[in-house]
Amino acid sequence: MGRDVVSVGLLLLVMVVQVTVVNRLPLPGRGAPDLVLLGVVGYALVRGATAGAVAGFCAGLLGDVLPPAAHMLGQYALVLCLVGFAAGRMVESRPDSALLTALVCSAAGPLVAVATSALLGDARISGAVLTTTLPWAVGYNLLAAPPTVWVVTRLVRGPRVRELRPVGRLVRGRA
């Protein structure tokens, strides 16, 4: 239970940093990495598909109501829910594919967001968005994914207890 409270606090902190710092950075291409998406992916890698979907939905719903949200209510929740579920499901089926899963989901997040916006009839989705803004968003996510997902998975998983195994020579009495 205590780990889940820390995880929720971590996602809230990531959301605040995203809205107050990262979105205001003057990066080329008018884009920025989506730390909330990467936090949900990291959480899903540790906790699984169901927990990833729930965390994605909750974080996305919070992102839908925080300013400067300029999209339909629930749209970001749907995107993060789908990506969180997919990340958790991929790592459940292949536990050794965490890094590849993180990279695939970090690249798929902006694509799913644009597809969802287009399906919901968002007038801001145009050819210019697909050719200029979307590649920058995918690139920023791919650059930020390894360190961000690593930190989130370490914090969600907690400290690892390492098993000490004796070394062969020392066990036999020869130093």
C-alpha atoms as a PDB file:
ATOM      1  CA  MET A   1       0.000   0.000   0.000  1.00  0.00           C
ATOM      2  CA  GLY A   2       2.816   2.419   0.858  1.00  0.00           C
ATOM      3  CA  ARG A   3       4.475   1.861  -2.532  1.00  0.00           C
ATOM      4  CA  ASP A   4       1.239   2.781  -4.320  1.00  0.00           C
ATOM      5  CA  VAL A   5       0.977   6.062  -2.410  1.00  0.00           C
ATOM      6  CA  VAL A   6       4.558   6.879  -3.396  1.00  0.00           C
ATOM      7  CA  SER A   7       3.733   5.999  -7.008  1.00  0.00           C
ATOM      8  CA  VAL A   8       0.690   8.279  -7.071  1.00  0.00           C
ATOM      9  CA  GLY A   9       2.752  11.076  -5.550  1.00  0.00           C
ATOM     10  CA  LEU A  10       5.425  10.491  -8.158  1.00  0.00           C
ATOM     11  CA  LEU A  11       2.920  10.746 -11.013  1.00  0.00           C
ATOM     12  CA  LEU A  12       1.511  13.961  -9.522  1.00  0.00           C
ATOM     13  CA  LEU A  13       5.012  15.401  -9.259  1.00  0.00           C
ATOM     14  CA  VAL A  14       5.741  14.459 -12.869  1.00  0.00           C
ATOM     15  CA  MET A  15       2.482  16.132 -13.940  1.00  0.00           C
ATOM     16  CA  VAL A  16       3.392  19.366 -12.123  1.00  0.00           C
ATOM     17  CA  VAL A  17       6.910  19.387 -13.608  1.00  0.00           C
ATOM     18  CA  GLN A  18       5.463  18.763 -17.071  1.00  0.00           C
ATOM     19  CA  VAL A  19       2.983  21.640 -16.870  1.00  0.00           C
ATOM     20  CA  THR A  20       5.183  24.185 -15.105  1.00  0.00           C
ATOM     21  CA  VAL A  21       8.655  23.515 -16.524  1.00  0.00           C
ATOM     22  CA  VAL A  22       8.849  21.202 -19.536  1.00  0.00           C
ATOM     23  CA  ASN A  23       5.956  22.672 -21.527  1.00  0.00           C
ATOM     24  CA  ARG A  24       7.526  26.128 -21.213  1.00  0.00           C
ATOM     25  CA  LEU A  25      10.976  25.159 -22.509  1.00  0.00           C
ATOM     26  CA  PRO A  26      11.839  26.902 -25.804  1.00  0.00           C
ATOM     27  CA  LEU A  27      12.767  23.710 -27.659  1.00  0.00           C
ATOM     28  CA  PRO A  28      12.980  23.505 -31.459  1.00  0.00           C
ATOM     29  CA  GLY A  29       9.918  22.261 -33.284  1.00  0.00           C
ATOM     30  CA  ARG A  30       7.456  23.615 -30.698  1.00  0.00           C
ATOM     31  CA  GLY A  31       7.501  20.275 -28.926  1.00  0.00           C
ATOM     32  CA  ALA A  32       8.610  18.827 -25.630  1.00  0.00           C
ATOM     33  CA  PRO A  33       8.961  15.362 -24.139  1.00  0.00           C
ATOM     34  CA  ASP A  34       5.818  14.044 -22.498  1.00  0.00           C
ATOM     35  CA  LEU A  35       7.084  13.127 -19.040  1.00  0.00           C
ATOM     36  CA  VAL A  36       3.620  12.058 -17.902  1.00  0.00           C
ATOM     37  CA  LEU A  37       3.420   9.520 -20.704  1.00  0.00           C
ATOM     38  CA  LEU A  38       6.900   8.258 -19.830  1.00  0.00           C
ATOM     39  CA  GLY A  39       5.962   8.079 -16.141  1.00  0.00           C
ATOM     40  CA  VAL A  40       2.906   5.987 -16.960  1.00  0.00           C
ATOM     41  CA  VAL A  41       5.035   3.700 -19.133  1.00  0.00           C
ATOM     42  CA  GLY A  42       7.555   3.250 -16.316  1.00  0.00           C
ATOM     43  CA  TYR A  43       4.785   2.529 -13.833  1.00  0.00           C
ATOM     44  CA  ALA A  44       3.206  -0.015 -16.198  1.00  0.00           C
ATOM     45  CA  LEU A  45       6.534  -1.760 -16.711  1.00  0.00           C
ATOM     46  CA  VAL A  46       6.707  -2.489 -12.982  1.00  0.00           C
ATOM     47  CA  ARG A  47       3.056  -3.017 -12.063  1.00  0.00           C
ATOM     48  CA  GLY A  48       1.569  -4.584 -15.201  1.00  0.00           C
ATOM     49  CA  ALA A  49      -1.189  -3.919 -17.711  1.00  0.00           C
ATOM     50  CA  THR A  50      -4.146  -3.304 -15.400  1.00  0.00           C
ATOM     51  CA  ALA A  51      -2.262  -0.976 -13.085  1.00  0.00           C
ATOM     52  CA  GLY A  52      -0.746   0.793 -16.094  1.00  0.00           C
ATOM     53  CA  ALA A  53      -4.170   1.379 -17.603  1.00  0.00           C
ATOM     54  CA  VAL A  54      -5.580   2.702 -14.317  1.00  0.00           C
ATOM     55  CA  ALA A  55      -2.567   4.951 -13.714  1.00  0.00           C
ATOM     56  CA  GLY A  56      -2.737   6.183 -17.297  1.00  0.00           C
ATOM     57  CA  PHE A  57      -6.429   6.956 -17.010  1.00  0.00           C
ATOM     58  CA  CYS A  58      -6.008   8.827 -13.710  1.00  0.00           C
ATOM     59  CA  ALA A  59      -2.956  10.786 -14.868  1.00  0.00           C
ATOM     60  CA  GLY A  60      -4.628  11.536 -18.187  1.00  0.00           C
ATOM     61  CA  LEU A  61      -7.812  12.738 -16.555  1.00  0.00           C
ATOM     62  CA  LEU A  62      -5.768  15.060 -14.373  1.00  0.00           C
ATOM     63  CA  GLY A  63      -3.972  16.285 -17.489  1.00  0.00           C
ATOM     64  CA  ASP A  64      -7.331  16.864 -19.166  1.00  0.00           C
ATOM     65  CA  VAL A  65      -8.474  19.301 -16.494  1.00  0.00           C
ATOM     66  CA  LEU A  66      -5.162  21.097 -15.875  1.00  0.00           C
ATOM     67  CA  PRO A  67      -4.570  24.230 -17.912  1.00  0.00           C
ATOM     68  CA  PRO A  68      -3.596  24.682 -20.744  1.00  0.00           C
ATOM     69  CA  ALA A  69      -5.764  21.762 -21.868  1.00  0.00           C
ATOM     70  CA  ALA A  70      -7.185  22.617 -25.278  1.00  0.00           C
ATOM     71  CA  HIS A  71      -8.762  19.296 -26.138  1.00  0.00           C
ATOM     72  CA  MET A  72     -11.845  17.304 -25.241  1.00  0.00           C
ATOM     73  CA  LEU A  73     -12.225  16.072 -21.682  1.00  0.00           C
ATOM     74  CA  GLY A  74     -11.063  12.468 -21.482  1.00  0.00           C
ATOM     75  CA  GLN A  75      -8.955  12.508 -24.629  1.00  0.00           C
ATOM     76  CA  TYR A  76      -5.578  12.470 -22.838  1.00  0.00           C
ATOM     77  CA  ALA A  77      -6.984   9.949 -20.357  1.00  0.00           C
ATOM     78  CA  LEU A  78      -7.843   7.625 -23.229  1.00  0.00           C
ATOM     79  CA  VAL A  79      -4.384   7.980 -24.781  1.00  0.00           C
ATOM     80  CA  LEU A  80      -2.519   7.347 -21.526  1.00  0.00           C
ATOM     81  CA  CYS A  81      -4.846   4.489 -20.606  1.00  0.00           C
ATOM     82  CA  LEU A  82      -4.147   2.758 -23.930  1.00  0.00           C
ATOM     83  CA  VAL A  83      -0.399   3.330 -23.761  1.00  0.00           C
ATOM     84  CA  GLY A  84      -0.216   2.245 -20.096  1.00  0.00           C
ATOM     85  CA  PHE A  85      -2.122  -0.927 -20.863  1.00  0.00           C
ATOM     86  CA  ALA A  86       0.015  -1.688 -23.915  1.00  0.00           C
ATOM     87  CA  ALA A  87       3.274  -1.150 -22.011  1.00  0.00           C
ATOM     88  CA  GLY A  88       2.169  -3.361 -19.147  1.00  0.00           C
ATOM     89  CA  ARG A  89       0.872  -6.057 -21.467  1.00  0.00           C
ATOM     90  CA  MET A  90       4.043  -6.136 -23.566  1.00  0.00           C
ATOM     91  CA  VAL A  91       6.289  -6.494 -20.521  1.00  0.00           C
ATOM     92  CA  GLU A  92       3.984  -9.149 -19.032  1.00  0.00           C
ATOM     93  CA  SER A  93       4.276 -11.250 -22.175  1.00  0.00           C
ATOM     94  CA  ARG A  94       8.039 -10.663 -22.563  1.00  0.00           C
ATOM     95  CA  PRO A  95       9.650  -9.623 -19.256  1.00  0.00           C
ATOM     96  CA  ASP A  96      13.078  -9.074 -20.837  1.00  0.00           C
ATOM     97  CA  SER A  97      11.795  -6.438 -23.287  1.00  0.00           C
ATOM     98  CA  ALA A  98      11.443  -3.476 -20.909  1.00  0.00           C
ATOM     99  CA  LEU A  99      13.724  -1.082 -22.804  1.00  0.00           C
ATOM    100  CA  LEU A 100      12.217  -1.892 -26.190  1.00  0.00           C
ATOM    101  CA  THR A 101       8.728  -1.561 -24.711  1.00  0.00           C
ATOM    102  CA  ALA A 102       9.574   1.829 -23.237  1.00  0.00           C
ATOM    103  CA  LEU A 103      10.896   3.088 -26.568  1.00  0.00           C
ATOM    104  CA  VAL A 104       7.968   1.739 -28.584  1.00  0.00           C
ATOM    105  CA  CYS A 105       5.403   3.198 -26.189  1.00  0.00           C
ATOM    106  CA  SER A 106       7.177   6.558 -25.987  1.00  0.00           C
ATOM    107  CA  ALA A 107       7.077   6.807 -29.782  1.00  0.00           C
ATOM    108  CA  ALA A 108       3.513   5.496 -30.010  1.00  0.00           C
ATOM    109  CA  GLY A 109       2.123   7.969 -27.465  1.00  0.00           C
ATOM    110  CA  PRO A 110       2.163  11.053 -29.718  1.00  0.00           C
ATOM    111  CA  LEU A 111       0.922   8.971 -32.651  1.00  0.00           C
ATOM    112  CA  VAL A 112      -2.031   7.687 -30.618  1.00  0.00           C
ATOM    113  CA  ALA A 113      -2.738  11.224 -29.403  1.00  0.00           C
ATOM    114  CA  VAL A 114      -2.830  12.611 -32.950  1.00  0.00           C
ATOM    115  CA  ALA A 115      -4.961   9.701 -34.184  1.00  0.00           C
ATOM    116  CA  THR A 116      -7.397  10.198 -31.295  1.00  0.00           C
ATOM    117  CA  SER A 117      -7.597  13.924 -32.010  1.00  0.00           C
ATOM    118  CA  ALA A 118      -8.270  13.262 -35.679  1.00  0.00           C
ATOM    119  CA  LEU A 119     -10.964  10.690 -34.877  1.00  0.00           C
ATOM    120  CA  LEU A 120     -12.654  13.155 -32.535  1.00  0.00           C
ATOM    121  CA  GLY A 121     -12.688  15.825 -35.246  1.00  0.00           C
ATOM    122  CA  ASP A 122     -10.074  18.210 -33.855  1.00  0.00           C
ATOM    123  CA  ALA A 123      -9.656  20.994 -36.410  1.00  0.00           C
ATOM    124  CA  ARG A 124      -6.058  21.619 -35.286  1.00  0.00           C
ATOM    125  CA  ILE A 125      -4.866  18.319 -36.793  1.00  0.00           C
ATOM    126  CA  SER A 126      -3.525  19.143 -40.233  1.00  0.00           C
ATOM    127  CA  GLY A 127      -0.765  18.138 -42.577  1.00  0.00           C
ATOM    128  CA  ALA A 128       1.571  20.645 -40.929  1.00  0.00           C
ATOM    129  CA  VAL A 129       1.091  18.964 -37.559  1.00  0.00           C
ATOM    130  CA  LEU A 130       1.876  15.584 -39.063  1.00  0.00           C
ATOM    131  CA  THR A 131       5.025  16.777 -40.814  1.00  0.00           C
ATOM    132  CA  THR A 132       6.483  19.299 -38.363  1.00  0.00           C
ATOM    133  CA  THR A 133       5.251  18.923 -34.794  1.00  0.00           C
ATOM    134  CA  LEU A 134       4.689  15.166 -34.587  1.00  0.00           C
ATOM    135  CA  PRO A 135       8.238  14.096 -35.553  1.00  0.00           C
ATOM    136  CA  TRP A 136       9.701  16.482 -32.975  1.00  0.00           C
ATOM    137  CA  ALA A 137       7.378  15.148 -30.261  1.00  0.00           C
ATOM    138  CA  VAL A 138       8.312  11.540 -31.073  1.00  0.00           C
ATOM    139  CA  GLY A 139      12.011  12.454 -31.111  1.00  0.00           C
ATOM    140  CA  TYR A 140      11.862  14.240 -27.761  1.00  0.00           C
ATOM    141  CA  ASN A 141      10.033  11.300 -26.208  1.00  0.00           C
ATOM    142  CA  LEU A 142      12.604   8.844 -27.560  1.00  0.00           C
ATOM    143  CA  LEU A 143      15.445  10.942 -26.128  1.00  0.00           C
ATOM    144  CA  ALA A 144      13.814  11.355 -22.733  1.00  0.00           C
ATOM    145  CA  ALA A 145      12.497   7.785 -22.424  1.00  0.00           C
ATOM    146  CA  PRO A 146      15.565   5.883 -21.169  1.00  0.00           C
ATOM    147  CA  PRO A 147      16.464   8.131 -18.216  1.00  0.00           C
ATOM    148  CA  THR A 148      12.875   9.003 -17.281  1.00  0.00           C
ATOM    149  CA  VAL A 149      11.537   5.455 -17.424  1.00  0.00           C
ATOM    150  CA  TRP A 150      14.603   4.179 -15.540  1.00  0.00           C
ATOM    151  CA  VAL A 151      14.051   6.659 -12.689  1.00  0.00           C
ATOM    152  CA  VAL A 152      10.318   5.931 -12.500  1.00  0.00           C
ATOM    153  CA  THR A 153      10.793   2.158 -12.496  1.00  0.00           C
ATOM    154  CA  ARG A 154      13.443   2.419  -9.766  1.00  0.00           C
ATOM    155  CA  LEU A 155      11.189   4.559  -7.603  1.00  0.00           C
ATOM    156  CA  VAL A 156       8.102   2.410  -8.144  1.00  0.00           C
ATOM    157  CA  ARG A 157       9.933  -0.893  -7.669  1.00  0.00           C
ATOM    158  CA  GLY A 158      11.817   0.253  -4.585  1.00  0.00           C
ATOM    159  CA  PRO A 159      15.256  -0.822  -3.498  1.00  0.00           C
ATOM    160  CA  ARG A 160      16.402  -4.227  -4.649  1.00  0.00           C
ATOM    161  CA  VAL A 161      17.647  -6.679  -2.081  1.00  0.00           C
ATOM    162  CA  ARG A 162      20.731  -8.284  -3.492  1.00  0.00           C
ATOM    163  CA  GLU A 163      21.514 -11.828  -2.662  1.00  0.00           C
ATOM    164  CA  LEU A 164      25.088 -12.435  -1.571  1.00  0.00           C
ATOM    165  CA  ARG A 165      26.584 -15.551  -3.056  1.00  0.00           C
ATOM    166  CA  PRO A 166      29.930 -16.855  -1.933  1.00  0.00           C
ATOM    167  CA  VAL A 167      32.766 -16.945  -4.398  1.00  0.00           C
ATOM    168  CA  GLY A 168      34.098 -20.449  -5.142  1.00  0.00           C
ATOM    169  CA  ARG A 169      37.668 -19.969  -3.953  1.00  0.00           C
ATOM    170  CA  LEU A 170      36.684 -18.344  -0.690  1.00  0.00           C
ATOM    171  CA  VAL A 171      34.192 -21.099   0.129  1.00  0.00           C
ATOM    172  CA  ARG A 172      36.785 -23.831  -0.221  1.00  0.00           C
ATOM    173  CA  GLY A 173      39.113 -22.067   2.210  1.00  0.00           C
ATOM    174  CA  ARG A 174      41.762 -20.813  -0.196  1.00  0.00           C
ATOM    175  CA  ALA A 175      42.393 -17.104  -0.151  1.00  0.00           C
END
